[in-house]
Amino acid sequence: MTPDPFTLAGESFRSRLLLGTAGYPTQRILVDAAAASGCEIVTVSIRRISLQGHGFDTVNLLSKYRFLPNTAGCETARDAIRTAELAREALDTDWVKLEVIGDRETLYPDVTELIEATRRLTDDGFKVLPYCNDDPVVCQRLADAGAVAVMPMGSLIGSGMGIANPANLELICRRAAVPVIVDAGIGTASDAVIAMELGAAAVLLNTAVAKADDPVRMAAAMRHAVEAGRHAYLAGRIPRRGRAEPSSPQLGLVGS
């Protein structure tokens, strides 16, 4: 099979699954789930983790993975920029998953602040991956502002509702000049398959694994789902038809 690497910010990865690290029952389950997922990139909230190496902390446990720090909890461009700068100093990375939340109930992004933060962080040398709503225009504006990828939501963060607006996501994937990573709302493996079949370059998920009855098994399921969805997208699905079409020829049947 032809190799199909995932290229992000000039780096190539085998896995198209990115995994969040919050909310696992234990640190041991987190480590085992990350391994089962086959992921190479993990997200960490810079406001919640220990960066000093004291005890059994997330950074030390997952040191073999590529860290993608996020600015979870930030509500202004100023706060997000400050958090990204802290992450760069603490984790020695210029990658950042940019979150600027505009509504605490829905956790929808503040688009104006998000675009401004993307522009300013890009100018400062960051590789910015902004979490955004599933709006093709917003995704284009973020790419124009310098984002190395866009991360439109599948549905509300942590909701498990899956892909709420597949038509928009398909349009974003078709138009985007940068990788599209579907982020938020994935609830189970079939949701990840759909995201990848729509043309997403990758999927980022957290709660679907962390809160599953068996996180390690769900992580393995997500690994296979992302791979299956990617293969299906590259293979090209058959067109939908409003009538039956037999797969076997009708001529030459016995007795005809």
C-alpha atoms as a PDB file:
ATOM      1  CA  MET A   1       0.000   0.000   0.000  1.00  0.00           C
ATOM      2  CA  THR A   2       1.290   3.477  -0.878  1.00  0.00           C
ATOM      3  CA  PRO A   3       2.578   5.357   2.187  1.00  0.00           C
ATOM      4  CA  ASP A   4       0.232   8.121   3.281  1.00  0.00           C
ATOM      5  CA  PRO A   5       2.062  10.303   5.824  1.00  0.00           C
ATOM      6  CA  PHE A   6       0.300  13.087   7.669  1.00  0.00           C
ATOM      7  CA  THR A   7       2.269  16.316   7.236  1.00  0.00           C
ATOM      8  CA  LEU A   8       1.736  19.039   9.794  1.00  0.00           C
ATOM      9  CA  ALA A   9       3.824  22.204  10.133  1.00  0.00           C
ATOM     10  CA  GLY A  10       6.556  20.640   8.006  1.00  0.00           C
ATOM     11  CA  GLU A  11       6.753  17.415  10.034  1.00  0.00           C
ATOM     12  CA  SER A  12       5.503  13.986   8.947  1.00  0.00           C
ATOM     13  CA  PHE A  13       3.585  11.562  11.144  1.00  0.00           C
ATOM     14  CA  ARG A  14       2.284   8.049  10.600  1.00  0.00           C
ATOM     15  CA  SER A  15      -0.805   8.484  12.762  1.00  0.00           C
ATOM     16  CA  ARG A  16      -3.698  10.804  11.912  1.00  0.00           C
ATOM     17  CA  LEU A  17      -5.129  10.581  15.414  1.00  0.00           C
ATOM     18  CA  LEU A  18      -4.263  13.246  17.993  1.00  0.00           C
ATOM     19  CA  LEU A  19      -5.167  12.474  21.592  1.00  0.00           C
ATOM     20  CA  GLY A  20      -6.077  14.713  24.501  1.00  0.00           C
ATOM     21  CA  THR A  21      -4.774  13.917  27.969  1.00  0.00           C
ATOM     22  CA  ALA A  22      -7.437  15.270  30.358  1.00  0.00           C
ATOM     23  CA  GLY A  23      -9.985  13.406  32.445  1.00  0.00           C
ATOM     24  CA  TYR A  24      -8.607   9.867  32.483  1.00  0.00           C
ATOM     25  CA  PRO A  25      -9.426   7.712  35.525  1.00  0.00           C
ATOM     26  CA  THR A  26      -5.726   7.203  36.278  1.00  0.00           C
ATOM     27  CA  GLN A  27      -2.371   8.180  34.812  1.00  0.00           C
ATOM     28  CA  ARG A  28      -1.701   4.528  34.036  1.00  0.00           C
ATOM     29  CA  ILE A  29      -4.840   4.311  31.917  1.00  0.00           C
ATOM     30  CA  LEU A  30      -3.802   7.493  30.115  1.00  0.00           C
ATOM     31  CA  VAL A  31      -0.427   6.014  29.218  1.00  0.00           C
ATOM     32  CA  ASP A  32      -1.969   2.722  28.069  1.00  0.00           C
ATOM     33  CA  ALA A  33      -4.657   4.498  26.045  1.00  0.00           C
ATOM     34  CA  ALA A  34      -2.090   6.681  24.283  1.00  0.00           C
ATOM     35  CA  ALA A  35      -0.125   3.578  23.342  1.00  0.00           C
ATOM     36  CA  ALA A  36      -3.254   1.760  22.131  1.00  0.00           C
ATOM     37  CA  SER A  37      -4.298   4.734  20.007  1.00  0.00           C
ATOM     38  CA  GLY A  38      -1.071   4.707  18.021  1.00  0.00           C
ATOM     39  CA  CYS A  39      -0.982   8.492  18.251  1.00  0.00           C
ATOM     40  CA  GLU A  40       2.231  10.489  18.015  1.00  0.00           C
ATOM     41  CA  ILE A  41       0.842  13.881  19.084  1.00  0.00           C
ATOM     42  CA  VAL A  42      -0.830  14.570  22.427  1.00  0.00           C
ATOM     43  CA  THR A  43      -2.456  17.766  23.611  1.00  0.00           C
ATOM     44  CA  VAL A  44      -1.835  19.145  27.084  1.00  0.00           C
ATOM     45  CA  SER A  45      -3.515  22.059  28.818  1.00  0.00           C
ATOM     46  CA  ILE A  46      -0.775  24.405  29.911  1.00  0.00           C
ATOM     47  CA  ARG A  47      -2.964  25.722  32.740  1.00  0.00           C
ATOM     48  CA  ARG A  48      -3.638  22.329  34.300  1.00  0.00           C
ATOM     49  CA  ILE A  49      -0.491  20.224  34.107  1.00  0.00           C
ATOM     50  CA  SER A  50       2.590  20.231  36.300  1.00  0.00           C
ATOM     51  CA  LEU A  51       5.527  21.623  34.371  1.00  0.00           C
ATOM     52  CA  GLN A  52       8.061  21.239  37.171  1.00  0.00           C
ATOM     53  CA  GLY A  53       8.491  17.471  36.967  1.00  0.00           C
ATOM     54  CA  HIS A  54       7.237  16.920  40.509  1.00  0.00           C
ATOM     55  CA  GLY A  55       5.809  13.427  40.904  1.00  0.00           C
ATOM     56  CA  PHE A  56       3.943  11.398  38.356  1.00  0.00           C
ATOM     57  CA  ASP A  57       3.016  14.232  36.001  1.00  0.00           C
ATOM     58  CA  THR A  58       1.685  14.184  32.477  1.00  0.00           C
ATOM     59  CA  VAL A  59       4.727  15.696  30.789  1.00  0.00           C
ATOM     60  CA  ASN A  60       7.154  13.124  32.174  1.00  0.00           C
ATOM     61  CA  LEU A  61       4.792  10.227  31.493  1.00  0.00           C
ATOM     62  CA  LEU A  62       4.294  11.142  27.842  1.00  0.00           C
ATOM     63  CA  SER A  63       7.752  12.442  27.033  1.00  0.00           C
ATOM     64  CA  LYS A  64       8.075  10.249  23.921  1.00  0.00           C
ATOM     65  CA  TYR A  65       5.130  12.009  22.239  1.00  0.00           C
ATOM     66  CA  ARG A  66       5.032  15.282  20.342  1.00  0.00           C
ATOM     67  CA  PHE A  67       3.396  17.812  22.649  1.00  0.00           C
ATOM     68  CA  LEU A  68       0.722  20.156  21.368  1.00  0.00           C
ATOM     69  CA  PRO A  69       0.007  22.530  24.281  1.00  0.00           C
ATOM     70  CA  ASN A  70      -3.383  24.204  24.229  1.00  0.00           C
ATOM     71  CA  THR A  71      -4.723  27.442  25.606  1.00  0.00           C
ATOM     72  CA  ALA A  72      -7.875  25.920  27.118  1.00  0.00           C
ATOM     73  CA  GLY A  73      -9.722  28.295  29.403  1.00  0.00           C
ATOM     74  CA  CYS A  74      -8.567  31.488  27.711  1.00  0.00           C
ATOM     75  CA  GLU A  75     -11.243  34.008  26.783  1.00  0.00           C
ATOM     76  CA  THR A  76      -9.195  36.769  25.160  1.00  0.00           C
ATOM     77  CA  ALA A  77      -6.423  36.952  22.604  1.00  0.00           C
ATOM     78  CA  ARG A  78      -4.191  38.503  25.254  1.00  0.00           C
ATOM     79  CA  ASP A  79      -4.625  35.590  27.676  1.00  0.00           C
ATOM     80  CA  ALA A  80      -4.159  33.014  24.923  1.00  0.00           C
ATOM     81  CA  ILE A  81      -0.950  34.662  23.712  1.00  0.00           C
ATOM     82  CA  ARG A  82       0.438  34.797  27.232  1.00  0.00           C
ATOM     83  CA  THR A  83      -0.406  31.114  27.770  1.00  0.00           C
ATOM     84  CA  ALA A  84       1.202  30.133  24.458  1.00  0.00           C
ATOM     85  CA  GLU A  85       4.374  31.993  25.432  1.00  0.00           C
ATOM     86  CA  LEU A  86       4.446  30.117  28.740  1.00  0.00           C
ATOM     87  CA  ALA A  87       4.034  26.817  26.907  1.00  0.00           C
ATOM     88  CA  ARG A  88       6.882  27.623  24.539  1.00  0.00           C
ATOM     89  CA  GLU A  89       9.190  28.359  27.429  1.00  0.00           C
ATOM     90  CA  ALA A  90       8.138  25.376  29.538  1.00  0.00           C
ATOM     91  CA  LEU A  91       7.871  22.693  26.847  1.00  0.00           C
ATOM     92  CA  ASP A  92      10.358  24.018  24.291  1.00  0.00           C
ATOM     93  CA  THR A  93       7.864  23.975  21.433  1.00  0.00           C
ATOM     94  CA  ASP A  94       6.460  26.645  19.157  1.00  0.00           C
ATOM     95  CA  TRP A  95       3.366  24.561  18.410  1.00  0.00           C
ATOM     96  CA  VAL A  96       0.113  25.633  20.023  1.00  0.00           C
ATOM     97  CA  LYS A  97      -3.497  24.535  19.814  1.00  0.00           C
ATOM     98  CA  LEU A  98      -5.175  27.901  20.089  1.00  0.00           C
ATOM     99  CA  GLU A  99      -8.444  28.124  21.999  1.00  0.00           C
ATOM    100  CA  VAL A 100     -10.177  31.432  22.695  1.00  0.00           C
ATOM    101  CA  ILE A 101     -13.601  30.729  24.148  1.00  0.00           C
ATOM    102  CA  GLY A 102     -16.411  33.217  23.650  1.00  0.00           C
ATOM    103  CA  ASP A 103     -19.293  31.443  25.397  1.00  0.00           C
ATOM    104  CA  ARG A 104     -18.938  29.352  28.565  1.00  0.00           C
ATOM    105  CA  GLU A 105     -22.093  27.274  27.989  1.00  0.00           C
ATOM    106  CA  THR A 106     -21.393  26.111  24.441  1.00  0.00           C
ATOM    107  CA  LEU A 107     -17.607  26.637  24.505  1.00  0.00           C
ATOM    108  CA  TYR A 108     -17.899  28.239  21.095  1.00  0.00           C
ATOM    109  CA  PRO A 109     -14.830  30.222  20.028  1.00  0.00           C
ATOM    110  CA  ASP A 110     -14.686  33.999  19.979  1.00  0.00           C
ATOM    111  CA  VAL A 111     -13.885  34.327  16.282  1.00  0.00           C
ATOM    112  CA  THR A 112     -12.630  37.910  16.392  1.00  0.00           C
ATOM    113  CA  GLU A 113     -10.218  37.227  19.251  1.00  0.00           C
ATOM    114  CA  LEU A 114      -9.195  33.882  17.709  1.00  0.00           C
ATOM    115  CA  ILE A 115      -8.175  35.413  14.381  1.00  0.00           C
ATOM    116  CA  GLU A 116      -6.299  38.213  16.129  1.00  0.00           C
ATOM    117  CA  ALA A 117      -4.415  35.756  18.354  1.00  0.00           C
ATOM    118  CA  THR A 118      -3.605  33.561  15.357  1.00  0.00           C
ATOM    119  CA  ARG A 119      -2.125  36.497  13.475  1.00  0.00           C
ATOM    120  CA  ARG A 120      -0.057  37.735  16.398  1.00  0.00           C
ATOM    121  CA  LEU A 121       1.259  34.316  17.402  1.00  0.00           C
ATOM    122  CA  THR A 122       2.163  33.501  13.797  1.00  0.00           C
ATOM    123  CA  ASP A 123       4.091  36.753  13.570  1.00  0.00           C
ATOM    124  CA  ASP A 124       5.945  35.670  16.721  1.00  0.00           C
ATOM    125  CA  GLY A 125       7.044  32.385  15.154  1.00  0.00           C
ATOM    126  CA  PHE A 126       4.397  30.028  16.533  1.00  0.00           C
ATOM    127  CA  LYS A 127       2.865  27.153  14.569  1.00  0.00           C
ATOM    128  CA  VAL A 128      -0.785  27.847  15.317  1.00  0.00           C
ATOM    129  CA  LEU A 129      -3.581  25.265  15.169  1.00  0.00           C
ATOM    130  CA  PRO A 130      -6.790  27.130  16.068  1.00  0.00           C
ATOM    131  CA  TYR A 131      -9.924  25.421  17.374  1.00  0.00           C
ATOM    132  CA  CYS A 132     -12.854  27.002  15.549  1.00  0.00           C
ATOM    133  CA  ASN A 133     -16.489  26.569  14.613  1.00  0.00           C
ATOM    134  CA  ASP A 134     -17.421  24.662  11.458  1.00  0.00           C
ATOM    135  CA  ASP A 135     -17.620  27.766   9.266  1.00  0.00           C
ATOM    136  CA  PRO A 136     -15.785  27.695   5.918  1.00  0.00           C
ATOM    137  CA  VAL A 137     -15.277  31.472   5.956  1.00  0.00           C
ATOM    138  CA  VAL A 138     -13.759  31.452   9.448  1.00  0.00           C
ATOM    139  CA  CYS A 139     -11.461  28.594   8.477  1.00  0.00           C
ATOM    140  CA  GLN A 140     -10.291  30.550   5.445  1.00  0.00           C
ATOM    141  CA  ARG A 141      -9.659  33.658   7.544  1.00  0.00           C
ATOM    142  CA  LEU A 142      -7.595  31.634  10.013  1.00  0.00           C
ATOM    143  CA  ALA A 143      -5.521  30.107   7.211  1.00  0.00           C
ATOM    144  CA  ASP A 144      -4.998  33.587   5.772  1.00  0.00           C
ATOM    145  CA  ALA A 145      -3.841  34.742   9.223  1.00  0.00           C
ATOM    146  CA  GLY A 146      -1.103  32.103   9.178  1.00  0.00           C
ATOM    147  CA  ALA A 147      -2.593  29.008  10.829  1.00  0.00           C
ATOM    148  CA  VAL A 148      -0.712  25.809   9.866  1.00  0.00           C
ATOM    149  CA  ALA A 149      -3.953  23.841  10.252  1.00  0.00           C
ATOM    150  CA  VAL A 150      -7.568  24.554  11.154  1.00  0.00           C
ATOM    151  CA  MET A 151      -9.486  22.569  13.752  1.00  0.00           C
ATOM    152  CA  PRO A 152     -13.241  22.930  13.177  1.00  0.00           C
ATOM    153  CA  MET A 153     -15.567  21.384  15.729  1.00  0.00           C
ATOM    154  CA  GLY A 154     -17.543  18.272  14.883  1.00  0.00           C
ATOM    155  CA  SER A 155     -20.047  19.313  17.548  1.00  0.00           C
ATOM    156  CA  LEU A 156     -19.930  20.791  21.049  1.00  0.00           C
ATOM    157  CA  ILE A 157     -16.822  19.956  23.091  1.00  0.00           C
ATOM    158  CA  GLY A 158     -17.356  16.852  25.200  1.00  0.00           C
ATOM    159  CA  SER A 159     -20.885  16.321  23.904  1.00  0.00           C
ATOM    160  CA  GLY A 160     -20.309  13.048  22.051  1.00  0.00           C
ATOM    161  CA  MET A 161     -22.852  14.193  19.438  1.00  0.00           C
ATOM    162  CA  GLY A 162     -20.559  13.292  16.552  1.00  0.00           C
ATOM    163  CA  ILE A 163     -20.482  15.219  13.281  1.00  0.00           C
ATOM    164  CA  ALA A 164     -23.345  17.699  13.547  1.00  0.00           C
ATOM    165  CA  ASN A 165     -22.842  19.382  10.176  1.00  0.00           C
ATOM    166  CA  PRO A 166     -21.180  17.055   7.668  1.00  0.00           C
ATOM    167  CA  ALA A 167     -21.960  19.316   4.706  1.00  0.00           C
ATOM    168  CA  ASN A 168     -19.984  22.193   6.217  1.00  0.00           C
ATOM    169  CA  LEU A 169     -17.080  19.972   7.196  1.00  0.00           C
ATOM    170  CA  GLU A 170     -16.898  18.461   3.723  1.00  0.00           C
ATOM    171  CA  LEU A 171     -16.832  21.957   2.228  1.00  0.00           C
ATOM    172  CA  ILE A 172     -14.090  23.072   4.626  1.00  0.00           C
ATOM    173  CA  CYS A 173     -11.999  19.999   3.817  1.00  0.00           C
ATOM    174  CA  ARG A 174     -12.447  20.492   0.074  1.00  0.00           C
ATOM    175  CA  ARG A 175     -11.460  24.168   0.118  1.00  0.00           C
ATOM    176  CA  ALA A 176      -8.786  24.321   2.797  1.00  0.00           C
ATOM    177  CA  ALA A 177      -5.211  25.074   1.814  1.00  0.00           C
ATOM    178  CA  VAL A 178      -4.000  23.741   5.176  1.00  0.00           C
ATOM    179  CA  PRO A 179      -4.746  20.440   6.955  1.00  0.00           C
ATOM    180  CA  VAL A 180      -8.194  20.154   8.533  1.00  0.00           C
ATOM    181  CA  ILE A 181      -8.242  18.406  11.915  1.00  0.00           C
ATOM    182  CA  VAL A 182     -11.734  17.707  13.218  1.00  0.00           C
ATOM    183  CA  ASP A 183     -11.792  18.590  16.894  1.00  0.00           C
ATOM    184  CA  ALA A 184     -14.558  18.212  19.500  1.00  0.00           C
ATOM    185  CA  GLY A 185     -17.756  16.201  19.647  1.00  0.00           C
ATOM    186  CA  ILE A 186     -16.442  12.782  18.623  1.00  0.00           C
ATOM    187  CA  GLY A 187     -18.283  10.182  20.701  1.00  0.00           C
ATOM    188  CA  THR A 188     -17.397   6.815  19.224  1.00  0.00           C
ATOM    189  CA  ALA A 189     -15.449   5.165  16.441  1.00  0.00           C
ATOM    190  CA  SER A 190     -18.081   5.675  13.733  1.00  0.00           C
ATOM    191  CA  ASP A 191     -17.902   9.448  14.287  1.00  0.00           C
ATOM    192  CA  ALA A 192     -14.169   9.366  13.596  1.00  0.00           C
ATOM    193  CA  VAL A 193     -14.752   7.326  10.441  1.00  0.00           C
ATOM    194  CA  ILE A 194     -17.252   9.903   9.162  1.00  0.00           C
ATOM    195  CA  ALA A 195     -14.867  12.791   9.845  1.00  0.00           C
ATOM    196  CA  MET A 196     -12.111  11.099   7.884  1.00  0.00           C
ATOM    197  CA  GLU A 197     -14.425  10.055   5.037  1.00  0.00           C
ATOM    198  CA  LEU A 198     -15.412  13.716   4.643  1.00  0.00           C
ATOM    199  CA  GLY A 199     -11.781  14.495   3.847  1.00  0.00           C
ATOM    200  CA  ALA A 200     -10.320  15.538   7.194  1.00  0.00           C
ATOM    201  CA  ALA A 201      -6.560  15.154   7.421  1.00  0.00           C
ATOM    202  CA  ALA A 202      -6.785  14.025  11.049  1.00  0.00           C
ATOM    203  CA  VAL A 203      -9.003  13.817  14.123  1.00  0.00           C
ATOM    204  CA  LEU A 204      -8.331  15.121  17.618  1.00  0.00           C
ATOM    205  CA  LEU A 205     -10.336  13.642  20.473  1.00  0.00           C
ATOM    206  CA  ASN A 206     -10.206  13.346  24.247  1.00  0.00           C
ATOM    207  CA  THR A 207     -13.468  12.726  26.097  1.00  0.00           C
ATOM    208  CA  ALA A 208     -14.570   9.864  23.846  1.00  0.00           C
ATOM    209  CA  VAL A 209     -11.598   7.866  25.079  1.00  0.00           C
ATOM    210  CA  ALA A 210     -11.049   9.275  28.573  1.00  0.00           C
ATOM    211  CA  LYS A 211     -14.673   8.791  29.664  1.00  0.00           C
ATOM    212  CA  ALA A 212     -15.332   5.468  27.918  1.00  0.00           C
ATOM    213  CA  ASP A 213     -16.049   2.438  30.096  1.00  0.00           C
ATOM    214  CA  ASP A 214     -12.798   0.969  28.783  1.00  0.00           C
ATOM    215  CA  PRO A 215     -10.559   3.845  27.625  1.00  0.00           C
ATOM    216  CA  VAL A 216      -7.767   1.618  26.350  1.00  0.00           C
ATOM    217  CA  ARG A 217     -10.094  -0.446  24.177  1.00  0.00           C
ATOM    218  CA  MET A 218     -11.815   2.694  22.889  1.00  0.00           C
ATOM    219  CA  ALA A 219      -8.431   4.201  22.042  1.00  0.00           C
ATOM    220  CA  ALA A 220      -7.645   1.142  19.940  1.00  0.00           C
ATOM    221  CA  ALA A 221     -11.044   1.408  18.253  1.00  0.00           C
ATOM    222  CA  MET A 222     -10.366   5.049  17.391  1.00  0.00           C
ATOM    223  CA  ARG A 223      -7.025   4.115  15.878  1.00  0.00           C
ATOM    224  CA  HIS A 224      -8.680   1.662  13.510  1.00  0.00           C
ATOM    225  CA  ALA A 225     -11.556   4.048  12.795  1.00  0.00           C
ATOM    226  CA  VAL A 226      -9.262   6.866  11.691  1.00  0.00           C
ATOM    227  CA  GLU A 227      -7.292   4.470   9.492  1.00  0.00           C
ATOM    228  CA  ALA A 228     -10.460   2.988   7.951  1.00  0.00           C
ATOM    229  CA  GLY A 229     -11.971   6.401   7.290  1.00  0.00           C
ATOM    230  CA  ARG A 230      -8.804   7.621   5.614  1.00  0.00           C
ATOM    231  CA  HIS A 231      -8.618   4.548   3.355  1.00  0.00           C
ATOM    232  CA  ALA A 232     -12.290   4.952   2.417  1.00  0.00           C
ATOM    233  CA  TYR A 233     -11.762   8.614   1.544  1.00  0.00           C
ATOM    234  CA  LEU A 234      -8.767   7.828  -0.655  1.00  0.00           C
ATOM    235  CA  ALA A 235     -10.559   4.896  -2.299  1.00  0.00           C
ATOM    236  CA  GLY A 236     -13.577   7.043  -3.222  1.00  0.00           C
ATOM    237  CA  ARG A 237     -17.100   6.003  -2.302  1.00  0.00           C
ATOM    238  CA  ILE A 238     -19.691   4.976  -4.893  1.00  0.00           C
ATOM    239  CA  PRO A 239     -22.316   7.609  -5.735  1.00  0.00           C
ATOM    240  CA  ARG A 240     -25.615   7.551  -3.871  1.00  0.00           C
ATOM    241  CA  ARG A 241     -28.555   6.498  -6.027  1.00  0.00           C
ATOM    242  CA  GLY A 242     -32.279   6.703  -5.478  1.00  0.00           C
ATOM    243  CA  ARG A 243     -32.911   3.290  -7.022  1.00  0.00           C
ATOM    244  CA  ALA A 244     -31.596  -0.237  -6.764  1.00  0.00           C
ATOM    245  CA  GLU A 245     -28.841  -1.331  -9.109  1.00  0.00           C
ATOM    246  CA  PRO A 246     -27.969  -5.035  -9.159  1.00  0.00           C
ATOM    247  CA  SER A 247     -24.345  -5.957  -8.705  1.00  0.00           C
ATOM    248  CA  SER A 248     -24.720  -9.056 -10.879  1.00  0.00           C
ATOM    249  CA  PRO A 249     -25.597  -8.942 -14.611  1.00  0.00           C
ATOM    250  CA  GLN A 250     -29.259  -9.594 -15.501  1.00  0.00           C
ATOM    251  CA  LEU A 251     -28.564 -11.217 -18.852  1.00  0.00           C
ATOM    252  CA  GLY A 252     -27.750 -14.906 -19.189  1.00  0.00           C
ATOM    253  CA  LEU A 253     -29.619 -16.028 -16.075  1.00  0.00           C
ATOM    254  CA  VAL A 254     -30.484 -19.731 -15.886  1.00  0.00           C
ATOM    255  CA  GLY A 255     -33.938 -20.289 -17.370  1.00  0.00           C
ATOM    256  CA  SER A 256     -34.054 -16.995 -19.246  1.00  0.00           C
END
